[in-house]
């Protein structure tokens, strides 16, 4: 909470609400929007190929009985499905897509509430409250990413044997 207060003070000194919206909020909305679309694109493409490959395995196995190439193709397709599943798990495209889209839409929502002076931004101190809520949204997303990164790093460390 102290960091958010420090950011409010920083932006209050250097920025008015128009500057803050154009230089901070719009920039963050654009960043989250682009990252969300990127993660969605990768998730859908990889999932499509995974489904096609997995669906092809029974077809090749059933129609290619007795053919030497059947074993090779089924093996390749099976390996491809496993690799794509591992990539989807490793890069968390679906989770990132949803998290980034949620943050993007939340930032837009706060911006429009502030611009229309709708509750909770209808009283004195609206700009301070706006900055605090926007920075809170961004901070939560950064904390989630940081926790995910730490869990991944801990999972990849070799376990010592006692």
C-alpha atoms as a PDB file:
ATOM      1  CA  UNK A   1       0.000   0.000   0.000  1.00  0.00           C
ATOM      2  CA  UNK A   2       2.946   2.285   0.680  1.00  0.00           C
ATOM      3  CA  UNK A   3       4.183   1.902  -2.919  1.00  0.00           C
ATOM      4  CA  UNK A   4       0.810   2.989  -4.283  1.00  0.00           C
ATOM      5  CA  UNK A   5       0.850   6.080  -2.046  1.00  0.00           C
ATOM      6  CA  UNK A   6       4.325   6.923  -3.339  1.00  0.00           C
ATOM      7  CA  UNK A   7       3.108   6.552  -6.950  1.00  0.00           C
ATOM      8  CA  UNK A   8       0.139   8.810  -6.231  1.00  0.00           C
ATOM      9  CA  UNK A   9       2.502  11.441  -4.885  1.00  0.00           C
ATOM     10  CA  UNK A  10       4.786  11.052  -7.915  1.00  0.00           C
ATOM     11  CA  UNK A  11       1.938  11.389 -10.415  1.00  0.00           C
ATOM     12  CA  UNK A  12       0.348  14.248  -8.483  1.00  0.00           C
ATOM     13  CA  UNK A  13       3.529  16.262  -8.764  1.00  0.00           C
ATOM     14  CA  UNK A  14       4.167  15.544 -12.415  1.00  0.00           C
ATOM     15  CA  UNK A  15       0.737  14.866 -13.903  1.00  0.00           C
ATOM     16  CA  UNK A  16      -2.789  16.091 -13.987  1.00  0.00           C
ATOM     17  CA  UNK A  17      -5.635  13.675 -14.691  1.00  0.00           C
ATOM     18  CA  UNK A  18      -5.433  14.125 -18.477  1.00  0.00           C
ATOM     19  CA  UNK A  19      -1.697  13.418 -18.477  1.00  0.00           C
ATOM     20  CA  UNK A  20      -2.103  10.438 -16.181  1.00  0.00           C
ATOM     21  CA  UNK A  21      -4.825   8.934 -18.364  1.00  0.00           C
ATOM     22  CA  UNK A  22      -2.922   9.471 -21.606  1.00  0.00           C
ATOM     23  CA  UNK A  23       0.557   8.516 -20.364  1.00  0.00           C
ATOM     24  CA  UNK A  24      -0.191   5.790 -17.850  1.00  0.00           C
ATOM     25  CA  UNK A  25      -3.703   4.391 -18.154  1.00  0.00           C
ATOM     26  CA  UNK A  26      -3.952   4.322 -21.955  1.00  0.00           C
ATOM     27  CA  UNK A  27      -0.446   2.871 -22.171  1.00  0.00           C
ATOM     28  CA  UNK A  28      -1.360   0.068 -19.767  1.00  0.00           C
ATOM     29  CA  UNK A  29      -4.682  -0.607 -21.516  1.00  0.00           C
ATOM     30  CA  UNK A  30      -2.850  -0.917 -24.837  1.00  0.00           C
ATOM     31  CA  UNK A  31      -0.178  -3.183 -23.338  1.00  0.00           C
ATOM     32  CA  UNK A  32      -2.689  -5.537 -21.713  1.00  0.00           C
ATOM     33  CA  UNK A  33      -4.868  -5.538 -24.838  1.00  0.00           C
ATOM     34  CA  UNK A  34      -1.949  -6.515 -27.088  1.00  0.00           C
ATOM     35  CA  UNK A  35      -0.639  -9.154 -24.677  1.00  0.00           C
ATOM     36  CA  UNK A  36      -4.135 -10.609 -24.324  1.00  0.00           C
ATOM     37  CA  UNK A  37      -4.596 -10.843 -28.095  1.00  0.00           C
ATOM     38  CA  UNK A  38      -1.129 -12.398 -28.489  1.00  0.00           C
ATOM     39  CA  UNK A  39      -1.806 -15.036 -25.818  1.00  0.00           C
ATOM     40  CA  UNK A  40      -5.249 -15.751 -27.293  1.00  0.00           C
ATOM     41  CA  UNK A  41      -3.781 -16.188 -30.789  1.00  0.00           C
ATOM     42  CA  UNK A  42      -1.137 -18.659 -29.598  1.00  0.00           C
ATOM     43  CA  UNK A  43      -3.566 -20.561 -27.390  1.00  0.00           C
ATOM     44  CA  UNK A  44      -6.141 -21.015 -30.151  1.00  0.00           C
ATOM     45  CA  UNK A  45      -3.600 -21.969 -32.830  1.00  0.00           C
ATOM     46  CA  UNK A  46      -1.781 -24.489 -30.672  1.00  0.00           C
ATOM     47  CA  UNK A  47      -5.017 -25.960 -29.330  1.00  0.00           C
ATOM     48  CA  UNK A  48      -6.363 -26.285 -32.913  1.00  0.00           C
ATOM     49  CA  UNK A  49      -3.308 -28.243 -34.056  1.00  0.00           C
ATOM     50  CA  UNK A  50      -3.422 -30.365 -30.917  1.00  0.00           C
ATOM     51  CA  UNK A  51      -7.069 -31.289 -31.594  1.00  0.00           C
ATOM     52  CA  UNK A  52      -6.410 -32.054 -35.264  1.00  0.00           C
ATOM     53  CA  UNK A  53      -3.391 -34.233 -34.448  1.00  0.00           C
ATOM     54  CA  UNK A  54      -5.169 -36.078 -31.630  1.00  0.00           C
ATOM     55  CA  UNK A  55      -8.193 -36.680 -33.837  1.00  0.00           C
ATOM     56  CA  UNK A  56      -6.003 -37.981 -36.646  1.00  0.00           C
ATOM     57  CA  UNK A  57      -4.371 -40.686 -34.563  1.00  0.00           C
ATOM     58  CA  UNK A  58      -7.388 -43.053 -34.495  1.00  0.00           C
ATOM     59  CA  UNK A  59      -8.040 -42.421 -38.186  1.00  0.00           C
ATOM     60  CA  UNK A  60      -4.503 -43.402 -39.220  1.00  0.00           C
ATOM     61  CA  UNK A  61      -4.434 -46.318 -36.785  1.00  0.00           C
ATOM     62  CA  UNK A  62      -7.762 -47.656 -38.072  1.00  0.00           C
ATOM     63  CA  UNK A  63      -7.294 -47.161 -41.810  1.00  0.00           C
ATOM     64  CA  UNK A  64      -3.635 -48.030 -42.001  1.00  0.00           C
ATOM     65  CA  UNK A  65      -3.754 -51.485 -40.437  1.00  0.00           C
ATOM     66  CA  UNK A  66      -0.854 -53.583 -41.517  1.00  0.00           C
ATOM     67  CA  UNK A  67       0.972 -50.687 -43.193  1.00  0.00           C
ATOM     68  CA  UNK A  68       4.496 -49.944 -41.913  1.00  0.00           C
ATOM     69  CA  UNK A  69       4.033 -46.185 -42.288  1.00  0.00           C
ATOM     70  CA  UNK A  70       1.050 -46.245 -39.881  1.00  0.00           C
ATOM     71  CA  UNK A  71       3.212 -46.791 -36.822  1.00  0.00           C
ATOM     72  CA  UNK A  72       5.504 -43.954 -37.859  1.00  0.00           C
ATOM     73  CA  UNK A  73       2.662 -41.457 -38.485  1.00  0.00           C
ATOM     74  CA  UNK A  74       0.785 -42.387 -35.305  1.00  0.00           C
ATOM     75  CA  UNK A  75       4.022 -42.007 -33.332  1.00  0.00           C
ATOM     76  CA  UNK A  76       4.754 -38.599 -34.849  1.00  0.00           C
ATOM     77  CA  UNK A  77       1.205 -37.383 -34.208  1.00  0.00           C
ATOM     78  CA  UNK A  78       1.304 -38.666 -30.620  1.00  0.00           C
ATOM     79  CA  UNK A  79       4.597 -36.906 -29.987  1.00  0.00           C
ATOM     80  CA  UNK A  80       3.215 -33.719 -31.550  1.00  0.00           C
ATOM     81  CA  UNK A  81       0.171 -33.810 -29.234  1.00  0.00           C
ATOM     82  CA  UNK A  82       2.437 -34.269 -26.208  1.00  0.00           C
ATOM     83  CA  UNK A  83       4.728 -31.404 -27.265  1.00  0.00           C
ATOM     84  CA  UNK A  84       1.857 -29.007 -27.906  1.00  0.00           C
ATOM     85  CA  UNK A  85       0.267 -29.887 -24.544  1.00  0.00           C
ATOM     86  CA  UNK A  86       3.600 -29.230 -22.820  1.00  0.00           C
ATOM     87  CA  UNK A  87       4.012 -25.873 -24.592  1.00  0.00           C
ATOM     88  CA  UNK A  88       0.473 -24.823 -23.608  1.00  0.00           C
ATOM     89  CA  UNK A  89       1.203 -25.799 -20.016  1.00  0.00           C
ATOM     90  CA  UNK A  90       4.599 -24.107 -19.942  1.00  0.00           C
ATOM     91  CA  UNK A  91       3.599 -20.766 -21.434  1.00  0.00           C
ATOM     92  CA  UNK A  92       0.111 -20.605 -19.880  1.00  0.00           C
ATOM     93  CA  UNK A  93      -1.379 -18.903 -22.942  1.00  0.00           C
ATOM     94  CA  UNK A  94      -5.003 -19.424 -21.889  1.00  0.00           C
ATOM     95  CA  UNK A  95      -4.413 -18.206 -18.327  1.00  0.00           C
ATOM     96  CA  UNK A  96      -2.469 -15.157 -19.526  1.00  0.00           C
ATOM     97  CA  UNK A  97      -5.117 -14.369 -22.129  1.00  0.00           C
ATOM     98  CA  UNK A  98      -7.821 -14.316 -19.454  1.00  0.00           C
ATOM     99  CA  UNK A  99      -5.742 -12.444 -16.861  1.00  0.00           C
ATOM    100  CA  UNK A 100      -4.573  -9.779 -19.327  1.00  0.00           C
ATOM    101  CA  UNK A 101      -8.059  -9.333 -20.785  1.00  0.00           C
ATOM    102  CA  UNK A 102      -9.534  -8.992 -17.277  1.00  0.00           C
ATOM    103  CA  UNK A 103      -6.983  -6.348 -16.285  1.00  0.00           C
ATOM    104  CA  UNK A 104      -7.446  -4.485 -19.578  1.00  0.00           C
ATOM    105  CA  UNK A 105     -11.223  -4.367 -19.193  1.00  0.00           C
ATOM    106  CA  UNK A 106     -10.952  -3.378 -15.521  1.00  0.00           C
ATOM    107  CA  UNK A 107      -8.662  -0.481 -16.448  1.00  0.00           C
ATOM    108  CA  UNK A 108     -11.110   0.651 -19.130  1.00  0.00           C
ATOM    109  CA  UNK A 109     -13.960   0.429 -16.639  1.00  0.00           C
ATOM    110  CA  UNK A 110     -12.125   2.602 -14.099  1.00  0.00           C
ATOM    111  CA  UNK A 111     -11.191   5.117 -16.779  1.00  0.00           C
ATOM    112  CA  UNK A 112     -14.802   5.514 -17.936  1.00  0.00           C
ATOM    113  CA  UNK A 113     -16.114   5.792 -14.390  1.00  0.00           C
ATOM    114  CA  UNK A 114     -13.570   8.530 -13.713  1.00  0.00           C
ATOM    115  CA  UNK A 115     -14.213  10.420 -16.959  1.00  0.00           C
ATOM    116  CA  UNK A 116     -17.968  10.442 -16.354  1.00  0.00           C
ATOM    117  CA  UNK A 117     -17.537  11.325 -12.670  1.00  0.00           C
ATOM    118  CA  UNK A 118     -19.597   8.289 -11.745  1.00  0.00           C
ATOM    119  CA  UNK A 119     -19.427   6.808  -8.265  1.00  0.00           C
ATOM    120  CA  UNK A 120     -16.904   6.388  -6.676  1.00  0.00           C
ATOM    121  CA  UNK A 121     -15.386   9.333  -8.586  1.00  0.00           C
ATOM    122  CA  UNK A 122     -18.176  11.850  -7.986  1.00  0.00           C
ATOM    123  CA  UNK A 123     -16.686  13.572  -4.924  1.00  0.00           C
ATOM    124  CA  UNK A 124     -13.567  15.528  -3.980  1.00  0.00           C
ATOM    125  CA  UNK A 125     -10.367  13.506  -4.162  1.00  0.00           C
ATOM    126  CA  UNK A 126     -11.557  11.614  -7.235  1.00  0.00           C
ATOM    127  CA  UNK A 127      -8.187  11.786  -8.972  1.00  0.00           C
ATOM    128  CA  UNK A 128      -6.327  10.379  -5.949  1.00  0.00           C
ATOM    129  CA  UNK A 129      -8.834   7.544  -5.698  1.00  0.00           C
ATOM    130  CA  UNK A 130      -8.591   6.894  -9.440  1.00  0.00           C
ATOM    131  CA  UNK A 131      -4.790   6.666  -9.355  1.00  0.00           C
ATOM    132  CA  UNK A 132      -4.922   4.428  -6.307  1.00  0.00           C
ATOM    133  CA  UNK A 133      -7.403   2.027  -7.924  1.00  0.00           C
ATOM    134  CA  UNK A 134      -5.602   1.946 -11.287  1.00  0.00           C
ATOM    135  CA  UNK A 135      -2.229   1.331  -9.676  1.00  0.00           C
ATOM    136  CA  UNK A 136      -3.853  -1.332  -7.500  1.00  0.00           C
ATOM    137  CA  UNK A 137      -5.102  -3.175 -10.588  1.00  0.00           C
ATOM    138  CA  UNK A 138      -1.679  -3.040 -12.201  1.00  0.00           C
ATOM    139  CA  UNK A 139       0.044  -4.027  -8.963  1.00  0.00           C
ATOM    140  CA  UNK A 140      -2.223  -7.064  -8.500  1.00  0.00           C
ATOM    141  CA  UNK A 141      -1.461  -8.253 -12.011  1.00  0.00           C
ATOM    142  CA  UNK A 142       2.276  -7.788 -11.422  1.00  0.00           C
ATOM    143  CA  UNK A 143       2.033  -9.669  -8.102  1.00  0.00           C
ATOM    144  CA  UNK A 144       0.207 -12.554  -9.770  1.00  0.00           C
ATOM    145  CA  UNK A 145       2.888 -12.759 -12.446  1.00  0.00           C
ATOM    146  CA  UNK A 146       5.646 -12.595  -9.826  1.00  0.00           C
ATOM    147  CA  UNK A 147       4.081 -15.398  -7.774  1.00  0.00           C
ATOM    148  CA  UNK A 148       3.663 -17.536 -10.892  1.00  0.00           C
ATOM    149  CA  UNK A 149       7.313 -16.917 -11.851  1.00  0.00           C
ATOM    150  CA  UNK A 150       8.549 -17.858  -8.387  1.00  0.00           C
ATOM    151  CA  UNK A 151       6.496 -21.059  -8.355  1.00  0.00           C
ATOM    152  CA  UNK A 152       7.925 -21.999 -11.740  1.00  0.00           C
ATOM    153  CA  UNK A 153      11.474 -21.306 -10.579  1.00  0.00           C
ATOM    154  CA  UNK A 154      10.978 -23.340  -7.399  1.00  0.00           C
ATOM    155  CA  UNK A 155       9.470 -26.238  -9.344  1.00  0.00           C
ATOM    156  CA  UNK A 156      12.443 -26.341 -11.700  1.00  0.00           C
ATOM    157  CA  UNK A 157      15.048 -26.447  -8.876  1.00  0.00           C
ATOM    158  CA  UNK A 158      16.518 -29.847  -8.213  1.00  0.00           C
ATOM    159  CA  UNK A 159      15.274 -31.248  -4.920  1.00  0.00           C
ATOM    160  CA  UNK A 160      17.953 -32.091  -2.354  1.00  0.00           C
ATOM    161  CA  UNK A 161      17.745 -35.559  -0.905  1.00  0.00           C
ATOM    162  CA  UNK A 162      17.822 -35.966   2.851  1.00  0.00           C
END
